Amino acid sequence: MLESLKGTILFISALFPVVNPLGGSPIFLALTRDYSSSDRTELSRRVAANSFFLLAVSFLVGAQVLAFFGISLPVVQVGGGLVVVSTGWAMLNRPEENDRQSAGHHKVDRDDIFKNAFYPLTMPLTVGPGSISIAITLGANAPRHVGWDLLPLIPALIGSLLLALSVFICYASAGRLAKLFGPTGMSVILRLTSFLLVCIGVQILWNGVKALLRTL
């Protein structure tokens, strides 16, 4: 029991700063500005469920999947870093008038709402290449037992569930940020978080490039 608790704490402490649901909530709000509160809550629930699935699968079989396709972690970091940089750059250059639109909700088709639940809202904005690579590394170094011993997997499942719950709470409450800071404040926050997203993408990209250069 004590080992499971330690494993859960290690999993959460390693991934929570990278997943960063608090920092991602302004971006989530900017991308869902036309959605109603109920639709945003349902979308938050789907993003949280996708996040749980991605983290758990990355921990359990991520290393094996990469080995099967002959893909290394540095290559995942390079490719994922490029995607994060591209997403952050596009949001950073969003026209200013779009950021100052009122919070009024337009008629949006529900299929259009939920088709973005996985990409880009779950990956790479919530569970990006940094989170996936950390989960894969933790899974590759986790103790393995012969047979169907699920005890070593419990910390990862509990940790993924708690992280997904934090994503749901932060994203579902993102609408309150708009009321608290107003259009101008949210525009400033969006620009800052978009710039940080670009910086995070560059750092992930550089980590992968640096690791690949060492193999030359």
N, C-alpha and C. Protein backbone atom coordinates (compact mmCIF):
# COMPACT_ATOMS: atom_id res chain seq x y z
N MET A 1 0.83 -1.21 0.00
CA MET A 1 0.00 0.00 0.00
C MET A 1 0.86 1.26 0.00
N LEU A 2 1.92 1.22 0.81
CA LEU A 2 2.83 2.37 0.89
C LEU A 2 3.53 2.58 -0.44
N GLU A 3 3.93 1.49 -1.09
CA GLU A 3 4.60 1.60 -2.38
C GLU A 3 3.66 2.18 -3.44
N SER A 4 2.38 1.80 -3.39
CA SER A 4 1.41 2.34 -4.33
C SER A 4 1.22 3.83 -4.12
N LEU A 5 1.19 4.25 -2.84
CA LEU A 5 1.05 5.67 -2.53
C LEU A 5 2.25 6.46 -3.04
N LYS A 6 3.45 5.92 -2.82
CA LYS A 6 4.66 6.59 -3.31
C LYS A 6 4.65 6.69 -4.83
N GLY A 7 4.22 5.60 -5.48
CA GLY A 7 4.17 5.61 -6.93
C GLY A 7 3.18 6.62 -7.48
N THR A 8 2.03 6.75 -6.80
CA THR A 8 1.02 7.72 -7.23
C THR A 8 1.53 9.15 -7.07
N ILE A 9 2.19 9.42 -5.94
CA ILE A 9 2.75 10.76 -5.71
C ILE A 9 3.82 11.08 -6.73
N LEU A 10 4.67 10.10 -7.04
CA LEU A 10 5.72 10.32 -8.05
C LEU A 10 5.10 10.61 -9.41
N PHE A 11 4.07 9.86 -9.78
CA PHE A 11 3.42 10.04 -11.08
C PHE A 11 2.81 11.44 -11.18
N ILE A 12 2.09 11.86 -10.15
CA ILE A 12 1.43 13.17 -10.19
C ILE A 12 2.45 14.30 -10.15
N SER A 13 3.45 14.19 -9.27
CA SER A 13 4.43 15.27 -9.15
C SER A 13 5.25 15.43 -10.42
N ALA A 14 5.46 14.35 -11.16
CA ALA A 14 6.22 14.43 -12.39
C ALA A 14 5.41 15.02 -13.54
N LEU A 15 4.10 14.76 -13.54
CA LEU A 15 3.28 15.13 -14.70
C LEU A 15 2.43 16.38 -14.51
N PHE A 16 2.05 16.70 -13.27
CA PHE A 16 1.15 17.84 -13.08
C PHE A 16 1.74 19.15 -13.59
N PRO A 17 3.03 19.46 -13.30
CA PRO A 17 3.57 20.73 -13.83
C PRO A 17 3.62 20.77 -15.35
N VAL A 18 3.72 19.61 -16.00
CA VAL A 18 3.80 19.57 -17.46
C VAL A 18 2.40 19.64 -18.07
N VAL A 19 1.46 18.88 -17.52
CA VAL A 19 0.08 18.97 -17.99
C VAL A 19 -0.48 20.37 -17.74
N ASN A 20 -0.23 20.90 -16.55
CA ASN A 20 -0.54 22.29 -16.19
C ASN A 20 -1.97 22.70 -16.59
N PRO A 21 -2.97 22.09 -15.99
CA PRO A 21 -4.35 22.44 -16.36
C PRO A 21 -4.70 23.90 -16.04
N LEU A 22 -4.09 24.48 -15.02
CA LEU A 22 -4.35 25.88 -14.70
C LEU A 22 -3.87 26.80 -15.82
N GLY A 23 -2.66 26.54 -16.31
CA GLY A 23 -2.13 27.36 -17.39
C GLY A 23 -2.83 27.12 -18.71
N GLY A 24 -3.38 25.93 -18.90
CA GLY A 24 -4.06 25.63 -20.16
C GLY A 24 -5.49 26.12 -20.24
N SER A 25 -6.07 26.46 -19.09
CA SER A 25 -7.48 26.88 -19.11
C SER A 25 -7.74 28.16 -19.90
N PRO A 26 -6.85 29.19 -19.88
CA PRO A 26 -7.12 30.36 -20.74
C PRO A 26 -7.10 30.01 -22.22
N ILE A 27 -6.20 29.10 -22.63
CA ILE A 27 -6.15 28.70 -24.02
C ILE A 27 -7.40 27.91 -24.39
N PHE A 28 -7.81 27.02 -23.49
CA PHE A 28 -9.05 26.27 -23.70
C PHE A 28 -10.22 27.23 -23.87
N LEU A 29 -10.29 28.25 -23.03
CA LEU A 29 -11.38 29.22 -23.11
C LEU A 29 -11.34 29.98 -24.42
N ALA A 30 -10.14 30.36 -24.88
CA ALA A 30 -10.02 31.11 -26.13
C ALA A 30 -10.49 30.28 -27.32
N LEU A 31 -10.24 28.98 -27.28
CA LEU A 31 -10.63 28.12 -28.39
C LEU A 31 -12.09 27.69 -28.33
N THR A 32 -12.76 27.98 -27.21
CA THR A 32 -14.17 27.59 -27.06
C THR A 32 -15.02 28.81 -26.73
N ARG A 33 -14.61 29.98 -27.20
CA ARG A 33 -15.30 31.22 -26.83
C ARG A 33 -16.74 31.26 -27.31
N ASP A 34 -17.05 30.56 -28.41
CA ASP A 34 -18.41 30.60 -28.96
C ASP A 34 -19.32 29.53 -28.38
N TYR A 35 -18.82 28.72 -27.46
CA TYR A 35 -19.61 27.62 -26.93
C TYR A 35 -20.39 28.06 -25.70
N SER A 36 -21.51 27.44 -25.49
CA SER A 36 -22.29 27.71 -24.29
C SER A 36 -21.61 27.07 -23.09
N SER A 37 -22.03 27.46 -21.90
CA SER A 37 -21.43 26.94 -20.68
C SER A 37 -21.61 25.43 -20.57
N SER A 38 -22.80 24.94 -20.95
CA SER A 38 -23.05 23.50 -20.85
C SER A 38 -22.20 22.73 -21.85
N ASP A 39 -22.06 23.27 -23.09
CA ASP A 39 -21.23 22.61 -24.09
C ASP A 39 -19.77 22.62 -23.66
N ARG A 40 -19.32 23.71 -23.06
CA ARG A 40 -17.93 23.79 -22.60
C ARG A 40 -17.68 22.78 -21.47
N THR A 41 -18.67 22.60 -20.60
CA THR A 41 -18.52 21.62 -19.53
C THR A 41 -18.44 20.21 -20.08
N GLU A 42 -19.31 19.89 -21.05
CA GLU A 42 -19.27 18.57 -21.67
C GLU A 42 -17.97 18.35 -22.42
N LEU A 43 -17.49 19.39 -23.09
CA LEU A 43 -16.22 19.29 -23.81
C LEU A 43 -15.06 19.09 -22.83
N SER A 44 -15.12 19.75 -21.68
CA SER A 44 -14.10 19.57 -20.64
C SER A 44 -14.08 18.13 -20.16
N ARG A 45 -15.27 17.55 -20.03
CA ARG A 45 -15.35 16.16 -19.58
C ARG A 45 -14.70 15.22 -20.61
N ARG A 46 -14.92 15.50 -21.88
CA ARG A 46 -14.33 14.64 -22.91
C ARG A 46 -12.81 14.81 -22.98
N VAL A 47 -12.35 16.04 -22.84
CA VAL A 47 -10.90 16.28 -22.84
C VAL A 47 -10.26 15.58 -21.65
N ALA A 48 -10.92 15.62 -20.49
CA ALA A 48 -10.40 14.94 -19.30
C ALA A 48 -10.34 13.43 -19.52
N ALA A 49 -11.38 12.87 -20.13
CA ALA A 49 -11.39 11.43 -20.41
C ALA A 49 -10.29 11.06 -21.39
N ASN A 50 -10.10 11.87 -22.42
CA ASN A 50 -9.03 11.62 -23.38
C ASN A 50 -7.66 11.72 -22.71
N SER A 51 -7.52 12.68 -21.79
CA SER A 51 -6.24 12.86 -21.10
C SER A 51 -5.92 11.64 -20.25
N PHE A 52 -6.93 11.12 -19.56
CA PHE A 52 -6.73 9.91 -18.76
C PHE A 52 -6.28 8.75 -19.66
N PHE A 53 -6.94 8.60 -20.78
CA PHE A 53 -6.61 7.51 -21.69
C PHE A 53 -5.17 7.64 -22.21
N LEU A 54 -4.80 8.84 -22.63
CA LEU A 54 -3.46 9.05 -23.19
C LEU A 54 -2.37 8.78 -22.15
N LEU A 55 -2.55 9.32 -20.94
CA LEU A 55 -1.54 9.15 -19.90
C LEU A 55 -1.42 7.68 -19.49
N ALA A 56 -2.56 7.03 -19.30
CA ALA A 56 -2.53 5.63 -18.86
C ALA A 56 -1.92 4.73 -19.93
N VAL A 57 -2.31 4.91 -21.18
CA VAL A 57 -1.78 4.08 -22.26
C VAL A 57 -0.29 4.35 -22.47
N SER A 58 0.12 5.62 -22.37
CA SER A 58 1.53 5.95 -22.52
C SER A 58 2.36 5.25 -21.46
N PHE A 59 1.85 5.22 -20.23
CA PHE A 59 2.57 4.55 -19.14
C PHE A 59 2.61 3.04 -19.36
N LEU A 60 1.48 2.47 -19.74
CA LEU A 60 1.37 1.01 -19.79
C LEU A 60 2.09 0.40 -20.99
N VAL A 61 1.87 0.96 -22.17
CA VAL A 61 2.40 0.31 -23.38
C VAL A 61 3.13 1.28 -24.29
N GLY A 62 3.36 2.50 -23.83
CA GLY A 62 4.00 3.50 -24.70
C GLY A 62 5.36 3.07 -25.20
N ALA A 63 6.20 2.57 -24.30
CA ALA A 63 7.55 2.16 -24.70
C ALA A 63 7.50 1.02 -25.71
N GLN A 64 6.58 0.07 -25.51
CA GLN A 64 6.46 -1.05 -26.43
C GLN A 64 5.98 -0.62 -27.81
N VAL A 65 5.04 0.34 -27.84
CA VAL A 65 4.53 0.83 -29.13
C VAL A 65 5.65 1.54 -29.91
N LEU A 66 6.41 2.38 -29.22
CA LEU A 66 7.51 3.07 -29.89
C LEU A 66 8.55 2.09 -30.39
N ALA A 67 8.85 1.07 -29.58
CA ALA A 67 9.84 0.06 -30.00
C ALA A 67 9.34 -0.72 -31.21
N PHE A 68 8.02 -0.99 -31.26
CA PHE A 68 7.46 -1.73 -32.39
C PHE A 68 7.64 -0.97 -33.69
N PHE A 69 7.42 0.35 -33.66
CA PHE A 69 7.55 1.17 -34.86
C PHE A 69 8.96 1.71 -35.06
N GLY A 70 9.86 1.39 -34.15
CA GLY A 70 11.23 1.86 -34.28
C GLY A 70 11.38 3.35 -34.07
N ILE A 71 10.56 3.93 -33.19
CA ILE A 71 10.58 5.37 -32.92
C ILE A 71 11.20 5.59 -31.54
N SER A 72 12.12 6.52 -31.45
CA SER A 72 12.75 6.83 -30.17
C SER A 72 12.06 8.01 -29.51
N LEU A 73 12.26 8.16 -28.21
CA LEU A 73 11.68 9.28 -27.47
C LEU A 73 12.14 10.64 -28.01
N PRO A 74 13.44 10.81 -28.34
CA PRO A 74 13.84 12.10 -28.91
C PRO A 74 13.09 12.47 -30.18
N VAL A 75 12.78 11.48 -31.01
CA VAL A 75 12.03 11.76 -32.24
C VAL A 75 10.61 12.21 -31.89
N VAL A 76 10.00 11.58 -30.88
CA VAL A 76 8.68 12.02 -30.40
C VAL A 76 8.74 13.46 -29.91
N GLN A 77 9.81 13.80 -29.20
CA GLN A 77 9.95 15.16 -28.69
C GLN A 77 10.12 16.17 -29.82
N VAL A 78 10.88 15.82 -30.84
CA VAL A 78 11.07 16.74 -31.97
C VAL A 78 9.76 16.96 -32.71
N GLY A 79 9.07 15.87 -33.05
CA GLY A 79 7.80 16.01 -33.76
C GLY A 79 6.75 16.72 -32.93
N GLY A 80 6.64 16.33 -31.66
CA GLY A 80 5.65 16.97 -30.79
C GLY A 80 5.98 18.42 -30.53
N GLY A 81 7.27 18.74 -30.39
CA GLY A 81 7.67 20.13 -30.18
C GLY A 81 7.28 21.01 -31.35
N LEU A 82 7.42 20.50 -32.56
CA LEU A 82 7.03 21.27 -33.74
C LEU A 82 5.53 21.55 -33.74
N VAL A 83 4.73 20.56 -33.34
CA VAL A 83 3.28 20.74 -33.29
C VAL A 83 2.91 21.79 -32.24
N VAL A 84 3.56 21.73 -31.06
CA VAL A 84 3.26 22.70 -30.00
C VAL A 84 3.66 24.10 -30.43
N VAL A 85 4.83 24.25 -31.05
CA VAL A 85 5.27 25.56 -31.53
C VAL A 85 4.28 26.11 -32.55
N SER A 86 3.85 25.26 -33.47
CA SER A 86 2.91 25.70 -34.51
C SER A 86 1.59 26.16 -33.89
N THR A 87 1.09 25.41 -32.92
CA THR A 87 -0.17 25.78 -32.27
C THR A 87 -0.03 27.09 -31.51
N GLY A 88 1.03 27.21 -30.73
CA GLY A 88 1.24 28.44 -29.96
C GLY A 88 1.44 29.65 -30.85
N TRP A 89 2.17 29.47 -31.94
CA TRP A 89 2.42 30.58 -32.86
C TRP A 89 1.13 31.06 -33.52
N ALA A 90 0.28 30.12 -33.91
CA ALA A 90 -0.99 30.49 -34.53
C ALA A 90 -1.86 31.27 -33.55
N MET A 91 -1.87 30.86 -32.28
CA MET A 91 -2.67 31.58 -31.29
C MET A 91 -2.06 32.92 -30.94
N LEU A 92 -0.74 32.99 -30.95
CA LEU A 92 -0.06 34.25 -30.65
C LEU A 92 -0.35 35.31 -31.71
N ASN A 93 -0.57 34.87 -32.94
CA ASN A 93 -0.82 35.79 -34.05
C ASN A 93 -2.30 35.90 -34.39
N ARG A 94 -3.15 35.46 -33.48
CA ARG A 94 -4.60 35.61 -33.68
C ARG A 94 -4.94 37.09 -33.76
N PRO A 95 -5.76 37.51 -34.73
CA PRO A 95 -6.12 38.93 -34.83
C PRO A 95 -6.70 39.47 -33.54
N GLU A 96 -6.29 40.69 -33.19
CA GLU A 96 -6.69 41.29 -31.92
C GLU A 96 -8.19 41.44 -31.80
N GLU A 97 -8.86 41.75 -32.89
CA GLU A 97 -10.31 41.96 -32.80
C GLU A 97 -11.03 40.69 -32.40
N ASN A 98 -10.46 39.50 -32.75
CA ASN A 98 -11.10 38.25 -32.36
C ASN A 98 -11.02 38.03 -30.86
N ASP A 99 -9.95 38.51 -30.23
CA ASP A 99 -9.79 38.33 -28.81
C ASP A 99 -10.70 39.25 -28.01
N ARG A 100 -11.17 40.33 -28.63
CA ARG A 100 -11.99 41.29 -27.92
C ARG A 100 -13.48 41.12 -28.19
N GLN A 101 -13.82 40.04 -28.85
CA GLN A 101 -15.24 39.78 -29.08
C GLN A 101 -15.93 39.53 -27.75
N SER A 102 -17.16 39.84 -27.71
CA SER A 102 -17.92 39.61 -26.48
C SER A 102 -18.08 38.13 -26.24
N ALA A 103 -18.52 37.82 -25.03
CA ALA A 103 -18.68 36.42 -24.65
C ALA A 103 -19.99 35.84 -25.14
N GLY A 104 -20.71 36.56 -26.00
CA GLY A 104 -21.97 36.05 -26.51
C GLY A 104 -21.79 34.75 -27.25
N HIS A 105 -22.71 33.85 -27.11
CA HIS A 105 -22.59 32.54 -27.70
C HIS A 105 -23.33 32.50 -29.02
N HIS A 106 -22.62 32.05 -30.05
CA HIS A 106 -23.24 31.88 -31.35
C HIS A 106 -23.72 30.44 -31.49
N LYS A 107 -24.55 30.22 -32.46
CA LYS A 107 -25.05 28.87 -32.71
C LYS A 107 -23.91 28.03 -33.30
N VAL A 108 -23.54 26.99 -32.57
CA VAL A 108 -22.45 26.12 -33.00
C VAL A 108 -22.96 24.69 -33.05
N ASP A 109 -22.68 24.00 -34.16
CA ASP A 109 -23.10 22.61 -34.29
C ASP A 109 -22.36 21.75 -33.28
N ARG A 110 -23.06 20.84 -32.61
CA ARG A 110 -22.45 20.01 -31.58
C ARG A 110 -21.37 19.09 -32.14
N ASP A 111 -21.54 18.65 -33.40
CA ASP A 111 -20.51 17.83 -34.01
C ASP A 111 -19.22 18.62 -34.19
N ASP A 112 -19.35 19.92 -34.52
CA ASP A 112 -18.17 20.77 -34.65
C ASP A 112 -17.51 20.99 -33.30
N ILE A 113 -18.32 21.01 -32.24
CA ILE A 113 -17.77 21.23 -30.90
C ILE A 113 -16.88 20.06 -30.50
N PHE A 114 -17.39 18.86 -30.63
CA PHE A 114 -16.71 17.71 -30.05
C PHE A 114 -15.69 17.07 -30.98
N LYS A 115 -15.65 17.49 -32.24
CA LYS A 115 -14.63 16.92 -33.13
C LYS A 115 -13.23 17.43 -32.76
N ASN A 116 -13.16 18.54 -32.02
CA ASN A 116 -11.87 19.06 -31.59
C ASN A 116 -11.48 18.60 -30.19
N ALA A 117 -12.27 17.70 -29.61
CA ALA A 117 -12.01 17.29 -28.24
C ALA A 117 -10.66 16.60 -28.10
N PHE A 118 -10.29 15.79 -29.11
CA PHE A 118 -8.99 15.12 -29.01
C PHE A 118 -7.87 16.00 -29.54
N TYR A 119 -8.01 16.45 -30.78
CA TYR A 119 -7.00 17.35 -31.37
C TYR A 119 -7.68 18.65 -31.77
N PRO A 120 -7.22 19.79 -31.29
CA PRO A 120 -5.98 20.00 -30.54
C PRO A 120 -6.16 20.14 -29.02
N LEU A 121 -7.42 20.01 -28.52
CA LEU A 121 -7.64 20.34 -27.11
C LEU A 121 -6.99 19.35 -26.15
N THR A 122 -7.04 18.06 -26.48
CA THR A 122 -6.37 17.08 -25.62
C THR A 122 -4.89 16.99 -25.97
N MET A 123 -4.61 16.75 -27.22
CA MET A 123 -3.23 16.67 -27.69
C MET A 123 -3.05 17.63 -28.86
N PRO A 124 -2.13 18.60 -28.76
CA PRO A 124 -1.04 18.69 -27.79
C PRO A 124 -1.26 19.68 -26.66
N LEU A 125 -2.44 20.34 -26.59
CA LEU A 125 -2.58 21.44 -25.63
C LEU A 125 -2.64 20.96 -24.18
N THR A 126 -3.24 19.80 -23.91
CA THR A 126 -3.35 19.32 -22.54
C THR A 126 -2.30 18.25 -22.25
N VAL A 127 -2.36 17.16 -22.96
CA VAL A 127 -1.36 16.10 -22.83
C VAL A 127 -0.51 16.14 -24.09
N GLY A 128 0.60 16.86 -24.00
CA GLY A 128 1.47 17.03 -25.15
C GLY A 128 2.62 16.05 -25.17
N PRO A 129 3.59 16.28 -26.04
CA PRO A 129 4.73 15.37 -26.15
C PRO A 129 5.56 15.29 -24.88
N GLY A 130 5.62 16.40 -24.13
CA GLY A 130 6.36 16.36 -22.88
C GLY A 130 5.72 15.42 -21.88
N SER A 131 4.40 15.52 -21.72
CA SER A 131 3.68 14.64 -20.80
C SER A 131 3.76 13.18 -21.24
N ILE A 132 3.61 12.94 -22.54
CA ILE A 132 3.64 11.58 -23.05
C ILE A 132 5.02 10.96 -22.85
N SER A 133 6.08 11.72 -23.14
CA SER A 133 7.42 11.18 -22.98
C SER A 133 7.73 10.88 -21.52
N ILE A 134 7.26 11.72 -20.59
CA ILE A 134 7.47 11.46 -19.17
C ILE A 134 6.71 10.20 -18.74
N ALA A 135 5.46 10.08 -19.19
CA ALA A 135 4.67 8.89 -18.84
C ALA A 135 5.31 7.62 -19.40
N ILE A 136 5.82 7.70 -20.63
CA ILE A 136 6.49 6.54 -21.21
C ILE A 136 7.74 6.18 -20.42
N THR A 137 8.50 7.20 -20.02
CA THR A 137 9.72 6.95 -19.25
C THR A 137 9.40 6.32 -17.90
N LEU A 138 8.37 6.83 -17.23
CA LEU A 138 7.97 6.24 -15.95
C LEU A 138 7.52 4.79 -16.14
N GLY A 139 6.78 4.54 -17.21
CA GLY A 139 6.32 3.18 -17.47
C GLY A 139 7.45 2.23 -17.80
N ALA A 140 8.46 2.75 -18.54
CA ALA A 140 9.59 1.89 -18.91
C ALA A 140 10.43 1.52 -17.70
N ASN A 141 10.42 2.37 -16.67
CA ASN A 141 11.23 2.12 -15.48
C ASN A 141 10.43 1.53 -14.32
N ALA A 142 9.14 1.30 -14.55
CA ALA A 142 8.31 0.71 -13.49
C ALA A 142 8.64 -0.76 -13.35
N PRO A 143 8.57 -1.30 -12.13
CA PRO A 143 8.84 -2.73 -11.93
C PRO A 143 7.80 -3.59 -12.62
N ARG A 144 8.24 -4.61 -13.31
CA ARG A 144 7.34 -5.50 -14.04
C ARG A 144 7.38 -6.87 -13.37
N HIS A 145 6.22 -7.52 -13.32
CA HIS A 145 6.12 -8.85 -12.72
C HIS A 145 5.54 -9.81 -13.74
N VAL A 146 5.92 -11.05 -13.64
CA VAL A 146 5.39 -12.07 -14.54
C VAL A 146 3.96 -12.38 -14.14
N GLY A 147 3.09 -12.51 -15.13
CA GLY A 147 1.70 -12.82 -14.83
C GLY A 147 0.83 -11.57 -14.83
N TRP A 148 -0.36 -11.73 -14.28
CA TRP A 148 -1.35 -10.64 -14.29
C TRP A 148 -1.35 -9.91 -12.95
N ASP A 149 -0.22 -9.42 -12.54
CA ASP A 149 -0.11 -8.65 -11.31
C ASP A 149 -0.39 -7.18 -11.63
N LEU A 150 -1.56 -6.70 -11.24
CA LEU A 150 -1.96 -5.33 -11.56
C LEU A 150 -1.52 -4.32 -10.51
N LEU A 151 -0.95 -4.79 -9.40
CA LEU A 151 -0.58 -3.89 -8.32
C LEU A 151 0.38 -2.78 -8.77
N PRO A 152 1.43 -3.07 -9.57
CA PRO A 152 2.32 -1.99 -10.00
C PRO A 152 1.65 -0.97 -10.92
N LEU A 153 0.49 -1.31 -11.50
CA LEU A 153 -0.18 -0.41 -12.43
C LEU A 153 -1.15 0.53 -11.74
N ILE A 154 -1.49 0.22 -10.49
CA ILE A 154 -2.48 1.03 -9.77
C ILE A 154 -2.05 2.48 -9.61
N PRO A 155 -0.77 2.76 -9.22
CA PRO A 155 -0.37 4.17 -9.07
C PRO A 155 -0.55 4.98 -10.35
N ALA A 156 -0.23 4.39 -11.50
CA ALA A 156 -0.38 5.12 -12.76
C ALA A 156 -1.84 5.39 -13.07
N LEU A 157 -2.71 4.41 -12.81
CA LEU A 157 -4.13 4.59 -13.10
C LEU A 157 -4.74 5.63 -12.17
N ILE A 158 -4.39 5.58 -10.88
CA ILE A 158 -4.91 6.58 -9.93
C ILE A 158 -4.37 7.96 -10.26
N GLY A 159 -3.06 8.03 -10.57
CA GLY A 159 -2.46 9.32 -10.92
C GLY A 159 -3.08 9.91 -12.17
N SER A 160 -3.31 9.07 -13.19
CA SER A 160 -3.94 9.55 -14.43
C SER A 160 -5.36 10.05 -14.16
N LEU A 161 -6.08 9.34 -13.28
CA LEU A 161 -7.45 9.74 -12.95
C LEU A 161 -7.47 11.09 -12.23
N LEU A 162 -6.55 11.29 -11.28
CA LEU A 162 -6.50 12.55 -10.54
C LEU A 162 -6.09 13.71 -11.46
N LEU A 163 -5.17 13.47 -12.35
CA LEU A 163 -4.78 14.51 -13.30
C LEU A 163 -5.93 14.86 -14.24
N ALA A 164 -6.65 13.84 -14.71
CA ALA A 164 -7.80 14.09 -15.57
C ALA A 164 -8.88 14.87 -14.83
N LEU A 165 -9.06 14.57 -13.54
CA LEU A 165 -10.04 15.31 -12.74
C LEU A 165 -9.64 16.78 -12.60
N SER A 166 -8.35 17.04 -12.42
CA SER A 166 -7.89 18.43 -12.32
C SER A 166 -8.08 19.16 -13.65
N VAL A 167 -7.90 18.45 -14.77
CA VAL A 167 -8.14 19.05 -16.08
C VAL A 167 -9.61 19.43 -16.23
N PHE A 168 -10.50 18.53 -15.83
CA PHE A 168 -11.93 18.82 -15.94
C PHE A 168 -12.32 20.03 -15.09
N ILE A 169 -11.84 20.08 -13.85
CA ILE A 169 -12.21 21.18 -12.95
C ILE A 169 -11.72 22.51 -13.50
N CYS A 170 -10.47 22.56 -13.95
CA CYS A 170 -9.90 23.81 -14.44
C CYS A 170 -10.55 24.26 -15.75
N TYR A 171 -10.79 23.33 -16.66
CA TYR A 171 -11.36 23.69 -17.95
C TYR A 171 -12.84 24.04 -17.83
N ALA A 172 -13.57 23.28 -17.01
CA ALA A 172 -14.98 23.57 -16.84
C ALA A 172 -15.21 24.92 -16.16
N SER A 173 -14.23 25.35 -15.37
CA SER A 173 -14.34 26.64 -14.67
C SER A 173 -13.70 27.77 -15.44
N ALA A 174 -13.23 27.51 -16.66
CA ALA A 174 -12.51 28.54 -17.41
C ALA A 174 -13.38 29.74 -17.72
N GLY A 175 -14.71 29.53 -17.88
CA GLY A 175 -15.59 30.65 -18.17
C GLY A 175 -15.60 31.71 -17.09
N ARG A 176 -15.33 31.31 -15.85
CA ARG A 176 -15.29 32.28 -14.76
C ARG A 176 -14.11 33.22 -14.89
N LEU A 177 -13.04 32.77 -15.56
CA LEU A 177 -11.90 33.65 -15.78
C LEU A 177 -12.28 34.86 -16.63
N ALA A 178 -13.12 34.59 -17.66
CA ALA A 178 -13.53 35.69 -18.54
C ALA A 178 -14.31 36.75 -17.78
N LYS A 179 -15.18 36.30 -16.87
CA LYS A 179 -15.95 37.26 -16.09
C LYS A 179 -15.07 38.00 -15.09
N LEU A 180 -14.03 37.32 -14.61
CA LEU A 180 -13.16 37.92 -13.60
C LEU A 180 -12.22 38.96 -14.21
N PHE A 181 -11.62 38.64 -15.36
CA PHE A 181 -10.60 39.52 -15.94
C PHE A 181 -11.14 40.43 -17.04
N GLY A 182 -12.29 40.08 -17.64
CA GLY A 182 -12.82 40.90 -18.71
C GLY A 182 -12.12 40.64 -20.02
N PRO A 183 -12.63 41.22 -21.13
CA PRO A 183 -12.05 40.96 -22.46
C PRO A 183 -10.58 41.38 -22.57
N THR A 184 -10.22 42.55 -22.03
CA THR A 184 -8.84 43.03 -22.14
C THR A 184 -7.90 42.14 -21.34
N GLY A 185 -8.29 41.79 -20.14
CA GLY A 185 -7.45 40.93 -19.31
C GLY A 185 -7.27 39.56 -19.93
N MET A 186 -8.33 39.00 -20.50
CA MET A 186 -8.23 37.69 -21.12
C MET A 186 -7.35 37.74 -22.37
N SER A 187 -7.38 38.87 -23.10
CA SER A 187 -6.52 39.02 -24.26
C SER A 187 -5.06 39.01 -23.85
N VAL A 188 -4.76 39.71 -22.75
CA VAL A 188 -3.38 39.73 -22.24
C VAL A 188 -2.95 38.33 -21.79
N ILE A 189 -3.82 37.66 -21.04
CA ILE A 189 -3.50 36.31 -20.56
C ILE A 189 -3.29 35.36 -21.73
N LEU A 190 -4.14 35.47 -22.75
CA LEU A 190 -4.01 34.58 -23.91
C LEU A 190 -2.69 34.80 -24.62
N ARG A 191 -2.28 36.08 -24.78
CA ARG A 191 -1.00 36.35 -25.45
C ARG A 191 0.16 35.78 -24.65
N LEU A 192 0.11 35.95 -23.35
CA LEU A 192 1.20 35.46 -22.51
C LEU A 192 1.27 33.93 -22.54
N THR A 193 0.11 33.27 -22.39
CA THR A 193 0.11 31.81 -22.39
C THR A 193 0.47 31.25 -23.78
N SER A 194 0.09 31.96 -24.84
CA SER A 194 0.47 31.51 -26.18
C SER A 194 1.98 31.61 -26.37
N PHE A 195 2.57 32.70 -25.87
CA PHE A 195 4.02 32.84 -25.95
C PHE A 195 4.72 31.75 -25.14
N LEU A 196 4.20 31.47 -23.94
CA LEU A 196 4.77 30.40 -23.13
C LEU A 196 4.63 29.05 -23.84
N LEU A 197 3.52 28.86 -24.55
CA LEU A 197 3.32 27.62 -25.29
C LEU A 197 4.37 27.47 -26.38
N VAL A 198 4.68 28.57 -27.07
CA VAL A 198 5.75 28.53 -28.07
C VAL A 198 7.08 28.18 -27.42
N CYS A 199 7.37 28.80 -26.27
CA CYS A 199 8.63 28.53 -25.57
C CYS A 199 8.71 27.07 -25.12
N ILE A 200 7.59 26.54 -24.61
CA ILE A 200 7.56 25.14 -24.20
C ILE A 200 7.82 24.23 -25.39
N GLY A 201 7.19 24.55 -26.53
CA GLY A 201 7.42 23.75 -27.73
C GLY A 201 8.87 23.78 -28.19
N VAL A 202 9.49 24.97 -28.12
CA VAL A 202 10.90 25.09 -28.50
C VAL A 202 11.78 24.26 -27.55
N GLN A 203 11.45 24.30 -26.25
CA GLN A 203 12.24 23.54 -25.28
C GLN A 203 12.10 22.03 -25.53
N ILE A 204 10.88 21.57 -25.79
CA ILE A 204 10.67 20.15 -26.09
C ILE A 204 11.42 19.76 -27.36
N LEU A 205 11.34 20.63 -28.38
CA LEU A 205 12.05 20.38 -29.63
C LEU A 205 13.55 20.30 -29.40
N TRP A 206 14.09 21.25 -28.62
CA TRP A 206 15.53 21.28 -28.36
C TRP A 206 15.97 20.05 -27.56
N ASN A 207 15.15 19.61 -26.60
CA ASN A 207 15.50 18.42 -25.84
C ASN A 207 15.66 17.20 -26.76
N GLY A 208 14.74 17.10 -27.72
CA GLY A 208 14.83 16.00 -28.66
C GLY A 208 16.03 16.11 -29.59
N VAL A 209 16.27 17.32 -30.11
CA VAL A 209 17.41 17.53 -31.01
C VAL A 209 18.72 17.27 -30.28
N LYS A 210 18.83 17.74 -29.03
CA LYS A 210 20.05 17.55 -28.26
C LYS A 210 20.32 16.07 -28.03
N ALA A 211 19.25 15.32 -27.73
CA ALA A 211 19.42 13.87 -27.51
C ALA A 211 19.82 13.17 -28.81
N LEU A 212 19.27 13.61 -29.95
CA LEU A 212 19.63 13.01 -31.22
C LEU A 212 21.07 13.33 -31.61
N LEU A 213 21.52 14.55 -31.31
CA LEU A 213 22.88 14.93 -31.64
C LEU A 213 23.91 14.09 -30.88
N ARG A 214 23.54 13.66 -29.67
CA ARG A 214 24.47 12.84 -28.89
C ARG A 214 24.69 11.47 -29.52
N THR A 215 23.75 11.05 -30.36
CA THR A 215 23.89 9.72 -30.98
C THR A 215 24.77 9.74 -32.21
N LEU A 216 25.15 10.94 -32.69
CA LEU A 216 25.99 11.02 -33.89
C LEU A 216 27.41 10.58 -33.58
